[in-house]
Amino acid sequence: MHELSLVSALVEEVSRDAQGRGVSRVATVRLAVGKRAHALPHALLFCFDLVKKNTTLADAQLIIEVIPPVFHCERCGVSEIHDTLLFDCARCGLPAVPTGGTELEIRGYEG
């Protein structure tokens, strides 16, 4: 389960930043997770509860924003949201390029 290593890195990064800013306790962490990022939100939440113990995030809540997949057709210029891994342009039929939904980023935290 790679979500465990992702969450470990998240907790380490937020802890380091919070310490550098003089924040002793973190209350919430906001994370953006694209549907094409291959990270399961429920697994991230489960791992977060395990990893945060005995850290500045011990009482923190992880808030996950799920970002839908966006595809762009370079030929037609059409951008569309589709809940698939691959998408062919509805207008011309050529494969569309994913331009969103692969995010996995810390959007912020509050302490």
N, C-alpha and C. Protein backbone atom coordinates (compact mmCIF):
# COMPACT_ATOMS: atom_id res chain seq x y z
N MET A 1 0.85 -1.17 0.00
CA MET A 1 0.00 0.00 0.00
C MET A 1 0.90 1.24 0.00
N HIS A 2 1.00 1.92 -1.14
CA HIS A 2 1.86 3.09 -1.23
C HIS A 2 1.28 4.30 -0.52
N GLU A 3 0.01 4.25 -0.17
CA GLU A 3 -0.59 5.35 0.58
C GLU A 3 0.12 5.57 1.91
N LEU A 4 0.64 4.51 2.52
CA LEU A 4 1.36 4.64 3.78
C LEU A 4 2.61 5.50 3.61
N SER A 5 3.37 5.26 2.56
CA SER A 5 4.57 6.07 2.34
C SER A 5 4.20 7.50 1.96
N LEU A 6 3.11 7.69 1.21
CA LEU A 6 2.66 9.04 0.86
C LEU A 6 2.27 9.83 2.11
N VAL A 7 1.52 9.18 2.99
CA VAL A 7 1.08 9.85 4.22
C VAL A 7 2.25 10.09 5.15
N SER A 8 3.19 9.17 5.21
CA SER A 8 4.39 9.38 6.03
C SER A 8 5.14 10.63 5.58
N ALA A 9 5.28 10.79 4.27
CA ALA A 9 5.95 11.97 3.73
C ALA A 9 5.14 13.24 4.02
N LEU A 10 3.82 13.15 3.92
CA LEU A 10 2.94 14.28 4.22
C LEU A 10 3.11 14.73 5.66
N VAL A 11 3.05 13.80 6.59
CA VAL A 11 3.17 14.12 8.01
C VAL A 11 4.54 14.71 8.30
N GLU A 12 5.57 14.15 7.71
CA GLU A 12 6.93 14.66 7.91
C GLU A 12 7.05 16.09 7.38
N GLU A 13 6.53 16.32 6.18
CA GLU A 13 6.61 17.65 5.56
C GLU A 13 5.85 18.70 6.36
N VAL A 14 4.62 18.40 6.73
CA VAL A 14 3.81 19.36 7.50
C VAL A 14 4.43 19.59 8.87
N SER A 15 4.91 18.54 9.51
CA SER A 15 5.55 18.69 10.83
C SER A 15 6.77 19.59 10.74
N ARG A 16 7.59 19.38 9.73
CA ARG A 16 8.80 20.19 9.56
C ARG A 16 8.44 21.66 9.30
N ASP A 17 7.46 21.89 8.44
CA ASP A 17 7.05 23.26 8.15
C ASP A 17 6.44 23.92 9.37
N ALA A 18 5.58 23.20 10.07
CA ALA A 18 4.93 23.75 11.27
C ALA A 18 5.97 24.11 12.32
N GLN A 19 6.94 23.24 12.52
CA GLN A 19 8.00 23.51 13.49
C GLN A 19 8.78 24.76 13.10
N GLY A 20 9.08 24.90 11.82
CA GLY A 20 9.80 26.07 11.34
C GLY A 20 9.02 27.37 11.52
N ARG A 21 7.71 27.28 11.56
CA ARG A 21 6.85 28.45 11.74
C ARG A 21 6.42 28.65 13.20
N GLY A 22 6.90 27.78 14.09
CA GLY A 22 6.57 27.91 15.50
C GLY A 22 5.18 27.39 15.86
N VAL A 23 4.62 26.54 15.01
CA VAL A 23 3.30 25.95 15.27
C VAL A 23 3.51 24.65 16.04
N SER A 24 2.93 24.55 17.23
CA SER A 24 3.16 23.37 18.07
C SER A 24 2.15 22.26 17.83
N ARG A 25 0.94 22.61 17.36
CA ARG A 25 -0.10 21.61 17.10
C ARG A 25 -0.81 21.96 15.80
N VAL A 26 -0.99 20.98 14.95
CA VAL A 26 -1.71 21.17 13.70
C VAL A 26 -3.11 20.61 13.87
N ALA A 27 -4.12 21.41 13.47
CA ALA A 27 -5.52 21.00 13.65
C ALA A 27 -6.09 20.33 12.40
N THR A 28 -5.78 20.87 11.23
CA THR A 28 -6.28 20.30 9.98
C THR A 28 -5.20 20.37 8.91
N VAL A 29 -5.26 19.39 8.01
CA VAL A 29 -4.39 19.37 6.84
C VAL A 29 -5.30 19.19 5.63
N ARG A 30 -5.14 20.05 4.63
CA ARG A 30 -5.93 19.95 3.40
C ARG A 30 -5.06 19.36 2.30
N LEU A 31 -5.56 18.31 1.68
CA LEU A 31 -4.83 17.58 0.65
C LEU A 31 -5.69 17.46 -0.60
N ALA A 32 -5.13 17.79 -1.74
CA ALA A 32 -5.82 17.61 -3.02
C ALA A 32 -5.33 16.30 -3.63
N VAL A 33 -6.27 15.44 -3.99
CA VAL A 33 -5.95 14.13 -4.57
C VAL A 33 -6.73 13.97 -5.87
N GLY A 34 -6.00 13.92 -6.97
CA GLY A 34 -6.64 13.70 -8.26
C GLY A 34 -7.08 12.25 -8.40
N LYS A 35 -8.19 12.06 -9.11
CA LYS A 35 -8.68 10.69 -9.32
C LYS A 35 -7.71 9.85 -10.14
N ARG A 36 -6.83 10.50 -10.91
CA ARG A 36 -5.83 9.78 -11.70
C ARG A 36 -4.49 9.68 -10.96
N ALA A 37 -4.44 10.08 -9.70
CA ALA A 37 -3.20 10.05 -8.92
C ALA A 37 -2.90 8.66 -8.37
N HIS A 38 -3.83 7.75 -8.51
CA HIS A 38 -3.67 6.37 -8.05
C HIS A 38 -3.41 6.29 -6.55
N ALA A 39 -4.11 7.15 -5.81
CA ALA A 39 -4.07 7.12 -4.35
C ALA A 39 -5.52 7.12 -3.86
N LEU A 40 -5.85 6.16 -3.07
CA LEU A 40 -7.23 6.01 -2.60
C LEU A 40 -7.48 6.87 -1.36
N PRO A 41 -8.45 7.80 -1.45
CA PRO A 41 -8.72 8.68 -0.30
C PRO A 41 -8.99 7.94 1.00
N HIS A 42 -9.77 6.85 0.97
CA HIS A 42 -10.06 6.14 2.23
C HIS A 42 -8.78 5.49 2.80
N ALA A 43 -7.88 5.05 1.95
CA ALA A 43 -6.61 4.48 2.42
C ALA A 43 -5.71 5.57 2.98
N LEU A 44 -5.73 6.75 2.37
CA LEU A 44 -4.95 7.88 2.88
C LEU A 44 -5.45 8.28 4.27
N LEU A 45 -6.76 8.32 4.45
CA LEU A 45 -7.33 8.66 5.76
C LEU A 45 -6.95 7.63 6.82
N PHE A 46 -7.03 6.37 6.45
CA PHE A 46 -6.68 5.29 7.38
C PHE A 46 -5.21 5.41 7.79
N CYS A 47 -4.33 5.57 6.80
CA CYS A 47 -2.90 5.68 7.08
C CYS A 47 -2.57 6.94 7.88
N PHE A 48 -3.27 8.03 7.59
CA PHE A 48 -3.05 9.28 8.32
C PHE A 48 -3.29 9.08 9.81
N ASP A 49 -4.37 8.37 10.16
CA ASP A 49 -4.66 8.12 11.57
C ASP A 49 -3.58 7.28 12.24
N LEU A 50 -2.92 6.41 11.49
CA LEU A 50 -1.84 5.60 12.04
C LEU A 50 -0.55 6.39 12.20
N VAL A 51 -0.20 7.17 11.19
CA VAL A 51 1.10 7.83 11.13
C VAL A 51 1.18 9.08 12.01
N LYS A 52 0.07 9.76 12.22
CA LYS A 52 0.09 11.05 12.92
C LYS A 52 0.34 10.93 14.43
N LYS A 53 0.21 9.74 14.98
CA LYS A 53 0.39 9.55 16.42
C LYS A 53 1.78 10.02 16.85
N ASN A 54 1.81 10.68 18.01
CA ASN A 54 3.06 11.17 18.60
C ASN A 54 3.78 12.18 17.73
N THR A 55 3.02 12.94 16.94
CA THR A 55 3.58 14.03 16.14
C THR A 55 2.80 15.30 16.45
N THR A 56 3.20 16.41 15.85
CA THR A 56 2.45 17.66 16.00
C THR A 56 1.09 17.58 15.32
N LEU A 57 0.86 16.52 14.57
CA LEU A 57 -0.43 16.31 13.89
C LEU A 57 -1.31 15.29 14.61
N ALA A 58 -0.96 14.94 15.82
CA ALA A 58 -1.65 13.87 16.55
C ALA A 58 -3.17 14.05 16.61
N ASP A 59 -3.62 15.30 16.74
CA ASP A 59 -5.06 15.56 16.84
C ASP A 59 -5.64 16.14 15.55
N ALA A 60 -4.86 16.12 14.50
CA ALA A 60 -5.27 16.76 13.25
C ALA A 60 -6.26 15.92 12.45
N GLN A 61 -7.05 16.63 11.67
CA GLN A 61 -8.00 16.00 10.75
C GLN A 61 -7.47 16.20 9.33
N LEU A 62 -7.51 15.15 8.53
CA LEU A 62 -7.11 15.23 7.14
C LEU A 62 -8.36 15.48 6.30
N ILE A 63 -8.35 16.58 5.56
CA ILE A 63 -9.46 16.93 4.68
C ILE A 63 -8.98 16.74 3.24
N ILE A 64 -9.65 15.84 2.54
CA ILE A 64 -9.23 15.50 1.18
C ILE A 64 -10.21 16.08 0.16
N GLU A 65 -9.66 16.81 -0.79
CA GLU A 65 -10.44 17.32 -1.92
C GLU A 65 -10.11 16.44 -3.12
N VAL A 66 -11.10 15.75 -3.65
CA VAL A 66 -10.89 14.87 -4.79
C VAL A 66 -11.04 15.71 -6.08
N ILE A 67 -10.00 15.68 -6.90
CA ILE A 67 -9.96 16.46 -8.14
C ILE A 67 -10.33 15.54 -9.30
N PRO A 68 -11.34 15.91 -10.08
CA PRO A 68 -11.77 15.06 -11.19
C PRO A 68 -10.76 15.09 -12.34
N PRO A 69 -10.74 14.03 -13.15
CA PRO A 69 -9.85 13.98 -14.31
C PRO A 69 -10.32 14.97 -15.38
N VAL A 70 -9.40 15.74 -15.92
CA VAL A 70 -9.68 16.67 -17.01
C VAL A 70 -8.84 16.24 -18.21
N PHE A 71 -9.47 16.19 -19.36
CA PHE A 71 -8.78 15.82 -20.60
C PHE A 71 -8.89 16.97 -21.60
N HIS A 72 -7.83 17.18 -22.36
CA HIS A 72 -7.80 18.24 -23.36
C HIS A 72 -7.43 17.66 -24.72
N CYS A 73 -8.22 17.99 -25.73
CA CYS A 73 -7.92 17.56 -27.09
C CYS A 73 -7.05 18.63 -27.74
N GLU A 74 -5.83 18.27 -28.10
CA GLU A 74 -4.92 19.23 -28.71
C GLU A 74 -5.34 19.62 -30.12
N ARG A 75 -6.13 18.77 -30.75
CA ARG A 75 -6.59 19.07 -32.11
C ARG A 75 -7.78 20.04 -32.09
N CYS A 76 -8.78 19.73 -31.28
CA CYS A 76 -10.02 20.53 -31.24
C CYS A 76 -9.98 21.66 -30.20
N GLY A 77 -9.13 21.50 -29.20
CA GLY A 77 -9.08 22.49 -28.12
C GLY A 77 -10.13 22.29 -27.05
N VAL A 78 -10.84 21.18 -27.10
CA VAL A 78 -11.90 20.88 -26.14
C VAL A 78 -11.30 20.32 -24.86
N SER A 79 -11.74 20.84 -23.72
CA SER A 79 -11.36 20.29 -22.42
C SER A 79 -12.63 19.78 -21.74
N GLU A 80 -12.56 18.56 -21.24
CA GLU A 80 -13.72 17.95 -20.61
C GLU A 80 -13.31 17.16 -19.37
N ILE A 81 -14.23 17.12 -18.43
CA ILE A 81 -14.05 16.30 -17.22
C ILE A 81 -14.69 14.94 -17.49
N HIS A 82 -13.91 13.88 -17.27
CA HIS A 82 -14.42 12.52 -17.43
C HIS A 82 -13.84 11.64 -16.35
N ASP A 83 -14.66 10.79 -15.80
CA ASP A 83 -14.25 9.91 -14.71
C ASP A 83 -13.68 8.60 -15.26
N THR A 84 -12.65 8.72 -16.11
CA THR A 84 -12.00 7.56 -16.71
C THR A 84 -10.49 7.78 -16.68
N LEU A 85 -9.75 6.74 -16.93
CA LEU A 85 -8.30 6.89 -17.00
C LEU A 85 -7.85 7.38 -18.37
N LEU A 86 -8.58 6.99 -19.41
CA LEU A 86 -8.27 7.40 -20.78
C LEU A 86 -9.55 7.94 -21.40
N PHE A 87 -9.39 8.89 -22.34
CA PHE A 87 -10.57 9.48 -22.96
C PHE A 87 -10.25 9.89 -24.39
N ASP A 88 -11.14 9.54 -25.31
CA ASP A 88 -11.05 9.99 -26.69
C ASP A 88 -11.98 11.17 -26.86
N CYS A 89 -11.53 12.19 -27.58
CA CYS A 89 -12.31 13.40 -27.80
C CYS A 89 -13.67 13.06 -28.41
N ALA A 90 -14.72 13.62 -27.83
CA ALA A 90 -16.07 13.37 -28.33
C ALA A 90 -16.30 14.03 -29.69
N ARG A 91 -15.52 15.05 -29.99
CA ARG A 91 -15.70 15.78 -31.23
C ARG A 91 -14.95 15.14 -32.41
N CYS A 92 -13.66 14.82 -32.21
CA CYS A 92 -12.86 14.31 -33.34
C CYS A 92 -12.43 12.86 -33.20
N GLY A 93 -12.54 12.29 -32.00
CA GLY A 93 -12.20 10.89 -31.79
C GLY A 93 -10.75 10.61 -31.47
N LEU A 94 -9.88 11.62 -31.52
CA LEU A 94 -8.47 11.42 -31.18
C LEU A 94 -8.29 11.30 -29.67
N PRO A 95 -7.25 10.60 -29.23
CA PRO A 95 -7.00 10.51 -27.79
C PRO A 95 -6.76 11.90 -27.20
N ALA A 96 -7.41 12.18 -26.10
CA ALA A 96 -7.23 13.45 -25.40
C ALA A 96 -6.11 13.29 -24.36
N VAL A 97 -5.46 14.39 -24.06
CA VAL A 97 -4.33 14.42 -23.13
C VAL A 97 -4.85 14.78 -21.74
N PRO A 98 -4.49 13.99 -20.73
CA PRO A 98 -4.91 14.35 -19.37
C PRO A 98 -4.19 15.62 -18.91
N THR A 99 -4.96 16.59 -18.43
CA THR A 99 -4.37 17.85 -17.95
C THR A 99 -4.74 18.14 -16.50
N GLY A 100 -5.50 17.28 -15.89
CA GLY A 100 -5.89 17.46 -14.49
C GLY A 100 -6.33 16.14 -13.91
N GLY A 101 -6.38 16.10 -12.61
CA GLY A 101 -6.78 14.88 -11.93
C GLY A 101 -5.62 14.00 -11.51
N THR A 102 -4.39 14.51 -11.69
CA THR A 102 -3.22 13.75 -11.25
C THR A 102 -2.58 14.39 -10.02
N GLU A 103 -3.23 15.41 -9.49
CA GLU A 103 -2.69 16.14 -8.36
C GLU A 103 -2.57 15.27 -7.12
N LEU A 104 -1.54 15.52 -6.37
CA LEU A 104 -1.37 14.97 -5.04
C LEU A 104 -0.54 16.01 -4.30
N GLU A 105 -1.25 16.98 -3.73
CA GLU A 105 -0.52 18.10 -3.15
C GLU A 105 -1.16 18.59 -1.86
N ILE A 106 -0.32 19.06 -0.99
CA ILE A 106 -0.76 19.65 0.26
C ILE A 106 -1.25 21.05 -0.08
N ARG A 107 -2.51 21.31 0.20
CA ARG A 107 -3.09 22.62 -0.10
C ARG A 107 -2.94 23.60 1.07
N GLY A 108 -2.66 23.06 2.23
CA GLY A 108 -2.45 23.92 3.39
C GLY A 108 -2.73 23.17 4.69
N TYR A 109 -2.45 23.85 5.78
CA TYR A 109 -2.75 23.28 7.10
C TYR A 109 -3.02 24.43 8.06
N GLU A 110 -3.72 24.12 9.13
CA GLU A 110 -4.02 25.10 10.17
C GLU A 110 -3.56 24.56 11.51
N GLY A 111 -2.99 25.44 12.29
CA GLY A 111 -2.48 25.04 13.59
C GLY A 111 -2.99 25.93 14.68
